[in-house]
Amino acid sequence: MSRLSRAYFPNNGRSNDEPILYAFMFIRDMHTGIMPFRNGGKYPFTIKLSRKNENLKKQLKEFLNIGQFGGWSLDESLWNAVDTLSHYLATFGEVYLEIVHEDDKSKAGVTDKKLEFLPLGKVFRLVNNYIQFVPIKNWERGEKKFYVIPSDRIWYIKLPRKLGTPRQHRKMLKKLNLLSEPMPEFALKDGKLGGSANYDFISHHLSKDIAIEQTTANWGSISSLSQIKGTTEYYYIVNRLRSTRSQALLREHILSEINKLLCQLGIKNSIKVDGLVLSTEILEAIKKLEKGEVGFSEALKVIKD
């Protein structure tokens, strides 16, 4: 059985929504290193099946190979899958993939299946199906205007509840884009860099720094930004911990969704990842720091081990 969804829409880019500066930095920082990089050829974590099954391990290596680079092992494929999915979620707040059956006589398992991303566009759930709409600018006479895909053929992932809804997330990124403008429009138009309106560049940028912090408050600060002028070292460290916790929440959510997908496909097994800091451990460090029970170095140790 071939793919049921439309794989590509020509000229489907949304230039007005392209992430710039602060939105770009947020997306990059949130997904980069979400699965730690190799150190000396080995990953600082272990991946195994809850019940040993070498044959399934080889099958999952191929099935989860959705990243930019091919995986030569389950470890490599899972690393790429989490990295890729976290990038999608940090950018759009949600992602749809079709479970493509390569054999008409498909059975439970993953031996005859692969995962394919749906292109950016409108997708809706309707009872037991998903409806993929073709953007109007891509309509052609005699061609389909929408595609119907059974719900058991779609893998839909959205942000974990603690990090907000897809709509809230896209709204946050849009605001970060607006805050990325170097100067307000009136200051660029008066020919005096805002001088005729007593525009204060320094005050404006300080206010913008505060607005960025407020915008990303649910996730923590953008890691690439330095300490905001006028804030304390305590504020900087707590928000660094909160950002790392958000990254851990996102990673744990994706791994959980992968295991739910395996269950959906009739696989009575699951993937276990050990050696990574848990979001609960980071939250506990934050609480202890807030109560004064630990110092800065001890609190930060939880994300450095």
C-alpha atoms as a PDB file:
ATOM      1  CA  MET A   1       0.000   0.000   0.000  1.00  0.00           C
ATOM      2  CA  SER A   2       1.418   3.384  -0.979  1.00  0.00           C
ATOM      3  CA  ARG A   3       1.335   6.628   0.921  1.00  0.00           C
ATOM      4  CA  LEU A   4      -2.183   8.033   1.443  1.00  0.00           C
ATOM      5  CA  SER A   5      -1.299  11.622   2.338  1.00  0.00           C
ATOM      6  CA  ARG A   6       0.127  14.280   0.029  1.00  0.00           C
ATOM      7  CA  ALA A   7       3.889  14.334   0.482  1.00  0.00           C
ATOM      8  CA  TYR A   8       4.678  17.816  -0.798  1.00  0.00           C
ATOM      9  CA  PHE A   9       3.040  21.142  -1.590  1.00  0.00           C
ATOM     10  CA  PRO A  10       4.972  23.373  -4.027  1.00  0.00           C
ATOM     11  CA  ASN A  11       5.658  26.901  -2.792  1.00  0.00           C
ATOM     12  CA  ASN A  12       4.127  26.165   0.581  1.00  0.00           C
ATOM     13  CA  GLY A  13       6.527  28.308   2.579  1.00  0.00           C
ATOM     14  CA  ARG A  14       5.075  30.846   5.024  1.00  0.00           C
ATOM     15  CA  SER A  15       7.708  33.582   4.837  1.00  0.00           C
ATOM     16  CA  ASN A  16       5.842  35.842   7.269  1.00  0.00           C
ATOM     17  CA  ASP A  17       6.121  33.181   9.963  1.00  0.00           C
ATOM     18  CA  GLU A  18       9.766  32.278   9.399  1.00  0.00           C
ATOM     19  CA  PRO A  19      11.565  32.456  12.766  1.00  0.00           C
ATOM     20  CA  ILE A  20      14.050  35.317  13.033  1.00  0.00           C
ATOM     21  CA  LEU A  21      16.575  36.224  15.741  1.00  0.00           C
ATOM     22  CA  TYR A  22      14.921  35.512  19.126  1.00  0.00           C
ATOM     23  CA  ALA A  23      12.410  32.975  17.765  1.00  0.00           C
ATOM     24  CA  PHE A  24      15.227  31.292  15.837  1.00  0.00           C
ATOM     25  CA  MET A  25      17.462  31.258  18.928  1.00  0.00           C
ATOM     26  CA  PHE A  26      14.677  29.785  21.063  1.00  0.00           C
ATOM     27  CA  ILE A  27      14.022  26.947  18.591  1.00  0.00           C
ATOM     28  CA  ARG A  28      17.724  26.218  18.119  1.00  0.00           C
ATOM     29  CA  ASP A  29      18.519  26.200  21.838  1.00  0.00           C
ATOM     30  CA  MET A  30      15.532  24.039  22.772  1.00  0.00           C
ATOM     31  CA  HIS A  31      16.299  21.194  20.385  1.00  0.00           C
ATOM     32  CA  THR A  32      20.104  21.327  20.193  1.00  0.00           C
ATOM     33  CA  GLY A  33      21.611  18.772  22.553  1.00  0.00           C
ATOM     34  CA  ILE A  34      18.209  17.493  23.686  1.00  0.00           C
ATOM     35  CA  MET A  35      19.862  14.088  23.296  1.00  0.00           C
ATOM     36  CA  PRO A  36      23.487  14.575  24.418  1.00  0.00           C
ATOM     37  CA  PHE A  37      26.147  14.239  21.733  1.00  0.00           C
ATOM     38  CA  ARG A  38      28.628  11.391  21.572  1.00  0.00           C
ATOM     39  CA  ASN A  39      31.769  11.700  23.662  1.00  0.00           C
ATOM     40  CA  GLY A  40      34.653   9.676  22.312  1.00  0.00           C
ATOM     41  CA  GLY A  41      32.385   7.646  20.062  1.00  0.00           C
ATOM     42  CA  LYS A  42      29.910   6.729  22.811  1.00  0.00           C
ATOM     43  CA  TYR A  43      26.689   8.352  23.950  1.00  0.00           C
ATOM     44  CA  PRO A  44      26.487   9.311  27.659  1.00  0.00           C
ATOM     45  CA  PHE A  45      23.265   7.298  27.974  1.00  0.00           C
ATOM     46  CA  THR A  46      22.073   3.758  27.269  1.00  0.00           C
ATOM     47  CA  ILE A  47      19.161   2.594  25.133  1.00  0.00           C
ATOM     48  CA  LYS A  48      17.655  -0.860  25.425  1.00  0.00           C
ATOM     49  CA  LEU A  49      14.374  -2.701  25.042  1.00  0.00           C
ATOM     50  CA  SER A  50      12.461  -3.532  28.209  1.00  0.00           C
ATOM     51  CA  ARG A  51      12.442  -7.135  26.945  1.00  0.00           C
ATOM     52  CA  LYS A  52      15.512  -8.194  25.001  1.00  0.00           C
ATOM     53  CA  ASN A  53      14.758  -8.814  21.332  1.00  0.00           C
ATOM     54  CA  GLU A  54      17.623  -8.388  18.870  1.00  0.00           C
ATOM     55  CA  ASN A  55      15.377  -8.856  15.837  1.00  0.00           C
ATOM     56  CA  LEU A  56      12.999  -6.096  16.985  1.00  0.00           C
ATOM     57  CA  LYS A  57      15.977  -3.890  17.789  1.00  0.00           C
ATOM     58  CA  LYS A  58      17.129  -4.121  14.155  1.00  0.00           C
ATOM     59  CA  GLN A  59      13.611  -3.407  12.875  1.00  0.00           C
ATOM     60  CA  LEU A  60      13.219  -0.348  15.099  1.00  0.00           C
ATOM     61  CA  LYS A  61      16.563   0.974  13.887  1.00  0.00           C
ATOM     62  CA  GLU A  62      15.042   1.222  10.389  1.00  0.00           C
ATOM     63  CA  PHE A  63      11.537   2.277  11.447  1.00  0.00           C
ATOM     64  CA  LEU A  64      12.742   5.197  13.609  1.00  0.00           C
ATOM     65  CA  ASN A  65      15.147   6.395  10.963  1.00  0.00           C
ATOM     66  CA  ILE A  66      13.371   9.725  10.347  1.00  0.00           C
ATOM     67  CA  GLY A  67      16.260  12.082  10.991  1.00  0.00           C
ATOM     68  CA  GLN A  68      18.509  13.833   8.524  1.00  0.00           C
ATOM     69  CA  PHE A  69      21.155  11.132   8.806  1.00  0.00           C
ATOM     70  CA  GLY A  70      20.738   7.373   8.691  1.00  0.00           C
ATOM     71  CA  GLY A  71      21.205   5.389  11.858  1.00  0.00           C
ATOM     72  CA  TRP A  72      23.622   2.464  11.984  1.00  0.00           C
ATOM     73  CA  SER A  73      22.183   1.338  15.338  1.00  0.00           C
ATOM     74  CA  LEU A  74      19.038   1.785  17.431  1.00  0.00           C
ATOM     75  CA  ASP A  75      20.956   4.293  19.568  1.00  0.00           C
ATOM     76  CA  GLU A  76      21.768   6.377  16.491  1.00  0.00           C
ATOM     77  CA  SER A  77      18.241   6.175  15.051  1.00  0.00           C
ATOM     78  CA  LEU A  78      16.588   7.121  18.343  1.00  0.00           C
ATOM     79  CA  TRP A  79      19.019  10.022  18.827  1.00  0.00           C
ATOM     80  CA  ASN A  80      18.145  11.330  15.356  1.00  0.00           C
ATOM     81  CA  ALA A  81      14.404  10.770  15.857  1.00  0.00           C
ATOM     82  CA  VAL A  82      14.244  12.698  19.154  1.00  0.00           C
ATOM     83  CA  ASP A  83      16.434  15.483  17.766  1.00  0.00           C
ATOM     84  CA  THR A  84      14.283  15.821  14.621  1.00  0.00           C
ATOM     85  CA  LEU A  85      10.913  15.615  16.392  1.00  0.00           C
ATOM     86  CA  SER A  86      11.985  18.129  19.049  1.00  0.00           C
ATOM     87  CA  HIS A  87      12.961  20.548  16.265  1.00  0.00           C
ATOM     88  CA  TYR A  88       9.502  20.202  14.700  1.00  0.00           C
ATOM     89  CA  LEU A  89       7.742  20.660  18.053  1.00  0.00           C
ATOM     90  CA  ALA A  90       9.860  23.677  19.011  1.00  0.00           C
ATOM     91  CA  THR A  91       9.058  25.216  15.610  1.00  0.00           C
ATOM     92  CA  PHE A  92       5.365  24.371  15.142  1.00  0.00           C
ATOM     93  CA  GLY A  93       4.135  22.971  18.468  1.00  0.00           C
ATOM     94  CA  GLU A  94       2.881  19.814  16.733  1.00  0.00           C
ATOM     95  CA  VAL A  95       3.791  17.377  13.986  1.00  0.00           C
ATOM     96  CA  TYR A  96       1.979  14.779  11.865  1.00  0.00           C
ATOM     97  CA  LEU A  97       3.577  11.653  10.408  1.00  0.00           C
ATOM     98  CA  GLU A  98       1.974   8.953   8.297  1.00  0.00           C
ATOM     99  CA  ILE A  99       2.643   5.310   9.086  1.00  0.00           C
ATOM    100  CA  VAL A 100       3.178   4.107   5.536  1.00  0.00           C
ATOM    101  CA  HIS A 101       2.521   0.411   4.902  1.00  0.00           C
ATOM    102  CA  GLU A 102       4.792  -0.952   2.207  1.00  0.00           C
ATOM    103  CA  ASP A 103       2.908  -4.250   2.032  1.00  0.00           C
ATOM    104  CA  ASP A 104      -0.827  -4.626   1.365  1.00  0.00           C
ATOM    105  CA  LYS A 105      -0.852  -7.596   3.733  1.00  0.00           C
ATOM    106  CA  SER A 106       0.454  -5.593   6.650  1.00  0.00           C
ATOM    107  CA  LYS A 107       0.530  -7.220  10.072  1.00  0.00           C
ATOM    108  CA  ALA A 108       1.327  -5.999  13.564  1.00  0.00           C
ATOM    109  CA  GLY A 109       4.846  -4.741  14.017  1.00  0.00           C
ATOM    110  CA  VAL A 110       7.153  -2.474  12.032  1.00  0.00           C
ATOM    111  CA  THR A 111       8.773  -4.786   9.484  1.00  0.00           C
ATOM    112  CA  ASP A 112       6.754  -3.427   6.540  1.00  0.00           C
ATOM    113  CA  LYS A 113       6.234   0.144   7.725  1.00  0.00           C
ATOM    114  CA  LYS A 114       7.998   3.477   7.643  1.00  0.00           C
ATOM    115  CA  LEU A 115       7.278   6.964   8.959  1.00  0.00           C
ATOM    116  CA  GLU A 116       6.806   9.924   6.602  1.00  0.00           C
ATOM    117  CA  PHE A 117       6.247  13.550   7.620  1.00  0.00           C
ATOM    118  CA  LEU A 118       3.184  15.405   6.396  1.00  0.00           C
ATOM    119  CA  PRO A 119       4.080  18.790   4.874  1.00  0.00           C
ATOM    120  CA  LEU A 120       3.146  22.012   6.619  1.00  0.00           C
ATOM    121  CA  GLY A 121      -0.564  22.680   6.165  1.00  0.00           C
ATOM    122  CA  LYS A 122      -4.035  22.162   7.611  1.00  0.00           C
ATOM    123  CA  VAL A 123      -4.778  18.720   9.035  1.00  0.00           C
ATOM    124  CA  PHE A 124      -7.932  17.944  11.033  1.00  0.00           C
ATOM    125  CA  ARG A 125      -9.241  14.924  12.914  1.00  0.00           C
ATOM    126  CA  LEU A 126     -12.745  13.863  11.839  1.00  0.00           C
ATOM    127  CA  VAL A 127     -14.116  10.847  13.736  1.00  0.00           C
ATOM    128  CA  ASN A 128     -11.837   7.952  12.683  1.00  0.00           C
ATOM    129  CA  ASN A 129      -9.949   9.817   9.975  1.00  0.00           C
ATOM    130  CA  TYR A 130      -7.554  12.696   9.486  1.00  0.00           C
ATOM    131  CA  ILE A 131      -8.274  15.156   6.684  1.00  0.00           C
ATOM    132  CA  GLN A 132      -5.289  16.777   4.981  1.00  0.00           C
ATOM    133  CA  PHE A 133      -6.314  19.899   3.060  1.00  0.00           C
ATOM    134  CA  VAL A 134      -4.463  21.084  -0.008  1.00  0.00           C
ATOM    135  CA  PRO A 135      -3.600  24.824   0.248  1.00  0.00           C
ATOM    136  CA  ILE A 136      -5.732  26.868  -2.157  1.00  0.00           C
ATOM    137  CA  LYS A 137      -2.666  28.146  -4.019  1.00  0.00           C
ATOM    138  CA  ASN A 138      -1.852  24.512  -4.875  1.00  0.00           C
ATOM    139  CA  TRP A 139      -5.304  23.613  -6.222  1.00  0.00           C
ATOM    140  CA  GLU A 140      -5.298  22.231  -9.743  1.00  0.00           C
ATOM    141  CA  ARG A 141      -8.245  21.272 -11.947  1.00  0.00           C
ATOM    142  CA  GLY A 142      -8.977  17.577 -11.706  1.00  0.00           C
ATOM    143  CA  GLU A 143      -6.700  17.138  -8.670  1.00  0.00           C
ATOM    144  CA  LYS A 144      -7.751  16.321  -5.108  1.00  0.00           C
ATOM    145  CA  LYS A 145      -8.518  19.195  -2.741  1.00  0.00           C
ATOM    146  CA  PHE A 146      -8.094  17.040   0.344  1.00  0.00           C
ATOM    147  CA  TYR A 147      -6.840  13.610   1.384  1.00  0.00           C
ATOM    148  CA  VAL A 148      -8.452  11.218   3.871  1.00  0.00           C
ATOM    149  CA  ILE A 149      -6.120   9.131   6.052  1.00  0.00           C
ATOM    150  CA  PRO A 150      -7.420   6.592   8.621  1.00  0.00           C
ATOM    151  CA  SER A 151      -6.501   7.630  12.153  1.00  0.00           C
ATOM    152  CA  ASP A 152      -4.518   4.434  12.709  1.00  0.00           C
ATOM    153  CA  ARG A 153      -2.235   5.544   9.880  1.00  0.00           C
ATOM    154  CA  ILE A 154      -1.353   8.885  11.477  1.00  0.00           C
ATOM    155  CA  TRP A 155       1.094   9.535  14.316  1.00  0.00           C
ATOM    156  CA  TYR A 156       0.258  12.937  15.788  1.00  0.00           C
ATOM    157  CA  ILE A 157       2.535  14.489  18.395  1.00  0.00           C
ATOM    158  CA  LYS A 158       2.047  17.815  20.123  1.00  0.00           C
ATOM    159  CA  LEU A 159       3.841  19.594  22.936  1.00  0.00           C
ATOM    160  CA  PRO A 160       3.453  18.180  26.459  1.00  0.00           C
ATOM    161  CA  ARG A 161       0.670  19.936  28.340  1.00  0.00           C
ATOM    162  CA  LYS A 162       3.107  21.612  30.750  1.00  0.00           C
ATOM    163  CA  LEU A 163       4.711  23.490  27.853  1.00  0.00           C
ATOM    164  CA  GLY A 164       1.471  24.805  26.377  1.00  0.00           C
ATOM    165  CA  THR A 165      -0.767  24.119  23.387  1.00  0.00           C
ATOM    166  CA  PRO A 166       0.421  24.297  19.755  1.00  0.00           C
ATOM    167  CA  ARG A 167      -1.604  27.489  19.278  1.00  0.00           C
ATOM    168  CA  GLN A 168      -0.099  29.128  22.373  1.00  0.00           C
ATOM    169  CA  HIS A 169       3.343  28.079  21.196  1.00  0.00           C
ATOM    170  CA  ARG A 170       2.964  29.586  17.739  1.00  0.00           C
ATOM    171  CA  LYS A 171       1.653  32.773  19.326  1.00  0.00           C
ATOM    172  CA  MET A 172       4.777  32.901  21.524  1.00  0.00           C
ATOM    173  CA  LEU A 173       7.081  32.487  18.517  1.00  0.00           C
ATOM    174  CA  LYS A 174       5.191  35.194  16.626  1.00  0.00           C
ATOM    175  CA  LYS A 175       5.721  37.594  19.534  1.00  0.00           C
ATOM    176  CA  LEU A 176       9.434  36.714  19.638  1.00  0.00           C
ATOM    177  CA  ASN A 177       9.590  37.569  15.940  1.00  0.00           C
ATOM    178  CA  LEU A 178       8.044  40.978  16.630  1.00  0.00           C
ATOM    179  CA  LEU A 179      10.535  41.563  19.443  1.00  0.00           C
ATOM    180  CA  SER A 180      13.356  40.749  17.042  1.00  0.00           C
ATOM    181  CA  GLU A 181      12.899  44.028  15.172  1.00  0.00           C
ATOM    182  CA  PRO A 182      15.903  46.244  16.097  1.00  0.00           C
ATOM    183  CA  MET A 183      13.923  49.486  16.298  1.00  0.00           C
ATOM    184  CA  PRO A 184      10.241  50.501  16.250  1.00  0.00           C
ATOM    185  CA  GLU A 185       8.859  51.478  12.862  1.00  0.00           C
ATOM    186  CA  PHE A 186       8.356  55.163  13.746  1.00  0.00           C
ATOM    187  CA  ALA A 187      12.040  55.509  14.658  1.00  0.00           C
ATOM    188  CA  LEU A 188      13.081  54.220  11.253  1.00  0.00           C
ATOM    189  CA  LYS A 189      10.722  56.532   9.372  1.00  0.00           C
ATOM    190  CA  ASP A 190      11.370  59.945  10.927  1.00  0.00           C
ATOM    191  CA  GLY A 191      14.879  60.150   9.479  1.00  0.00           C
ATOM    192  CA  LYS A 192      16.360  60.926  12.892  1.00  0.00           C
ATOM    193  CA  LEU A 193      16.295  57.416  14.421  1.00  0.00           C
ATOM    194  CA  GLY A 194      13.353  58.450  16.560  1.00  0.00           C
ATOM    195  CA  GLY A 195      14.922  61.712  17.672  1.00  0.00           C
ATOM    196  CA  SER A 196      11.821  63.752  16.869  1.00  0.00           C
ATOM    197  CA  ALA A 197       9.827  61.599  19.321  1.00  0.00           C
ATOM    198  CA  ASN A 198      12.595  61.490  21.982  1.00  0.00           C
ATOM    199  CA  TYR A 199      13.133  57.804  21.295  1.00  0.00           C
ATOM    200  CA  ASP A 200      15.576  56.239  23.788  1.00  0.00           C
ATOM    201  CA  PHE A 201      17.373  53.268  22.202  1.00  0.00           C
ATOM    202  CA  ILE A 202      18.811  51.962  25.498  1.00  0.00           C
ATOM    203  CA  SER A 203      15.490  52.095  27.374  1.00  0.00           C
ATOM    204  CA  HIS A 204      13.734  50.442  24.467  1.00  0.00           C
ATOM    205  CA  HIS A 205      16.162  47.521  24.409  1.00  0.00           C
ATOM    206  CA  LEU A 206      15.977  47.049  28.171  1.00  0.00           C
ATOM    207  CA  SER A 207      12.184  46.899  27.890  1.00  0.00           C
ATOM    208  CA  LYS A 208      12.545  44.452  25.023  1.00  0.00           C
ATOM    209  CA  ASP A 209      14.807  42.207  27.117  1.00  0.00           C
ATOM    210  CA  ILE A 210      12.151  42.119  29.832  1.00  0.00           C
ATOM    211  CA  ALA A 211       9.426  41.379  27.268  1.00  0.00           C
ATOM    212  CA  ILE A 212      11.430  38.440  25.877  1.00  0.00           C
ATOM    213  CA  GLU A 213      11.763  36.996  29.379  1.00  0.00           C
ATOM    214  CA  GLN A 214       8.030  37.375  29.970  1.00  0.00           C
ATOM    215  CA  THR A 215       7.231  35.784  26.598  1.00  0.00           C
ATOM    216  CA  THR A 216       9.316  32.665  27.250  1.00  0.00           C
ATOM    217  CA  ALA A 217       8.517  32.475  30.985  1.00  0.00           C
ATOM    218  CA  ASN A 218       6.787  29.097  30.687  1.00  0.00           C
ATOM    219  CA  TRP A 219       9.957  27.597  29.190  1.00  0.00           C
ATOM    220  CA  GLY A 220      12.645  29.557  31.032  1.00  0.00           C
ATOM    221  CA  SER A 221      15.080  32.005  29.451  1.00  0.00           C
ATOM    222  CA  ILE A 222      16.561  31.609  25.972  1.00  0.00           C
ATOM    223  CA  SER A 223      19.833  29.869  26.793  1.00  0.00           C
ATOM    224  CA  SER A 224      21.960  31.759  24.258  1.00  0.00           C
ATOM    225  CA  LEU A 225      21.118  35.139  25.793  1.00  0.00           C
ATOM    226  CA  SER A 226      23.406  36.478  28.469  1.00  0.00           C
ATOM    227  CA  GLN A 227      22.222  37.639  31.873  1.00  0.00           C
ATOM    228  CA  ILE A 228      19.657  40.416  31.557  1.00  0.00           C
ATOM    229  CA  LYS A 229      20.898  43.759  32.871  1.00  0.00           C
ATOM    230  CA  GLY A 230      19.410  44.570  36.267  1.00  0.00           C
ATOM    231  CA  THR A 231      18.718  40.937  37.208  1.00  0.00           C
ATOM    232  CA  THR A 232      20.541  38.835  39.773  1.00  0.00           C
ATOM    233  CA  GLU A 233      22.767  35.803  39.402  1.00  0.00           C
ATOM    234  CA  TYR A 234      20.040  33.848  41.168  1.00  0.00           C
ATOM    235  CA  TYR A 235      17.509  34.785  38.469  1.00  0.00           C
ATOM    236  CA  TYR A 236      19.950  33.804  35.720  1.00  0.00           C
ATOM    237  CA  ILE A 237      20.741  30.390  37.215  1.00  0.00           C
ATOM    238  CA  VAL A 238      17.125  29.513  38.072  1.00  0.00           C
ATOM    239  CA  ASN A 239      16.025  30.299  34.521  1.00  0.00           C
ATOM    240  CA  ARG A 240      18.899  28.300  33.096  1.00  0.00           C
ATOM    241  CA  LEU A 241      17.684  25.347  35.158  1.00  0.00           C
ATOM    242  CA  ARG A 242      14.092  25.961  34.031  1.00  0.00           C
ATOM    243  CA  SER A 243      15.162  25.945  30.365  1.00  0.00           C
ATOM    244  CA  THR A 244      16.988  22.658  30.862  1.00  0.00           C
ATOM    245  CA  ARG A 245      13.925  21.235  32.614  1.00  0.00           C
ATOM    246  CA  SER A 246      11.734  22.243  29.662  1.00  0.00           C
ATOM    247  CA  GLN A 247      14.149  20.462  27.340  1.00  0.00           C
ATOM    248  CA  ALA A 248      13.990  17.366  29.562  1.00  0.00           C
ATOM    249  CA  LEU A 249      10.160  17.524  29.587  1.00  0.00           C
ATOM    250  CA  LEU A 250      10.150  17.672  25.792  1.00  0.00           C
ATOM    251  CA  ARG A 251      12.590  14.754  25.497  1.00  0.00           C
ATOM    252  CA  GLU A 252      10.652  12.586  27.953  1.00  0.00           C
ATOM    253  CA  HIS A 253       7.398  13.361  26.166  1.00  0.00           C
ATOM    254  CA  ILE A 254       8.790  12.347  22.764  1.00  0.00           C
ATOM    255  CA  LEU A 255      10.201   9.093  24.163  1.00  0.00           C
ATOM    256  CA  SER A 256       6.831   8.364  25.778  1.00  0.00           C
ATOM    257  CA  GLU A 257       5.018   9.046  22.491  1.00  0.00           C
ATOM    258  CA  ILE A 258       7.382   6.679  20.658  1.00  0.00           C
ATOM    259  CA  ASN A 259       6.522   3.907  23.106  1.00  0.00           C
ATOM    260  CA  LYS A 260       2.789   4.647  22.709  1.00  0.00           C
ATOM    261  CA  LEU A 261       3.238   4.314  18.956  1.00  0.00           C
ATOM    262  CA  LEU A 262       4.894   0.916  19.374  1.00  0.00           C
ATOM    263  CA  CYS A 263       1.957  -0.189  21.518  1.00  0.00           C
ATOM    264  CA  GLN A 264      -0.461   1.095  18.855  1.00  0.00           C
ATOM    265  CA  LEU A 265       1.353  -1.061  16.296  1.00  0.00           C
ATOM    266  CA  GLY A 266       0.880  -4.146  18.436  1.00  0.00           C
ATOM    267  CA  ILE A 267       4.439  -4.346  19.753  1.00  0.00           C
ATOM    268  CA  LYS A 268       4.515  -5.700  23.291  1.00  0.00           C
ATOM    269  CA  ASN A 269       7.804  -4.068  24.154  1.00  0.00           C
ATOM    270  CA  SER A 270       9.145  -0.599  24.883  1.00  0.00           C
ATOM    271  CA  ILE A 271      12.325   1.446  24.638  1.00  0.00           C
ATOM    272  CA  LYS A 272      14.112   2.425  27.839  1.00  0.00           C
ATOM    273  CA  VAL A 273      16.659   5.232  28.033  1.00  0.00           C
ATOM    274  CA  ASP A 274      18.906   5.491  31.093  1.00  0.00           C
ATOM    275  CA  GLY A 275      21.599   7.969  32.047  1.00  0.00           C
ATOM    276  CA  LEU A 276      19.787  11.229  31.239  1.00  0.00           C
ATOM    277  CA  VAL A 277      18.761  13.775  33.854  1.00  0.00           C
ATOM    278  CA  LEU A 278      15.024  13.710  34.552  1.00  0.00           C
ATOM    279  CA  SER A 279      12.774  16.777  34.558  1.00  0.00           C
ATOM    280  CA  THR A 280      11.709  15.853  38.121  1.00  0.00           C
ATOM    281  CA  GLU A 281      15.341  15.928  39.282  1.00  0.00           C
ATOM    282  CA  ILE A 282      15.848  19.409  37.817  1.00  0.00           C
ATOM    283  CA  LEU A 283      12.601  20.648  39.392  1.00  0.00           C
ATOM    284  CA  GLU A 284      13.754  19.322  42.760  1.00  0.00           C
ATOM    285  CA  ALA A 285      17.050  21.214  42.398  1.00  0.00           C
ATOM    286  CA  ILE A 286      15.130  24.424  41.594  1.00  0.00           C
ATOM    287  CA  LYS A 287      12.919  23.995  44.673  1.00  0.00           C
ATOM    288  CA  LYS A 288      15.936  23.409  46.929  1.00  0.00           C
ATOM    289  CA  LEU A 289      17.669  26.479  45.494  1.00  0.00           C
ATOM    290  CA  GLU A 290      14.565  28.593  46.098  1.00  0.00           C
ATOM    291  CA  LYS A 291      14.437  27.425  49.729  1.00  0.00           C
ATOM    292  CA  GLY A 292      18.146  28.110  50.230  1.00  0.00           C
ATOM    293  CA  GLU A 293      18.878  24.447  50.915  1.00  0.00           C
ATOM    294  CA  VAL A 294      21.611  24.289  48.220  1.00  0.00           C
ATOM    295  CA  GLY A 295      23.967  26.777  46.621  1.00  0.00           C
ATOM    296  CA  PHE A 296      24.390  27.685  42.959  1.00  0.00           C
ATOM    297  CA  SER A 297      27.132  25.157  42.173  1.00  0.00           C
ATOM    298  CA  GLU A 298      25.253  22.272  43.789  1.00  0.00           C
ATOM    299  CA  ALA A 299      22.013  23.171  42.014  1.00  0.00           C
ATOM    300  CA  LEU A 300      23.778  23.347  38.656  1.00  0.00           C
ATOM    301  CA  LYS A 301      25.477  20.020  39.267  1.00  0.00           C
ATOM    302  CA  VAL A 302      22.238  18.192  38.417  1.00  0.00           C
ATOM    303  CA  ILE A 303      22.497  19.297  34.775  1.00  0.00           C
ATOM    304  CA  LYS A 304      26.254  18.813  34.491  1.00  0.00           C
ATOM    305  CA  ASP A 305      26.612  15.212  35.660  1.00  0.00           C
END
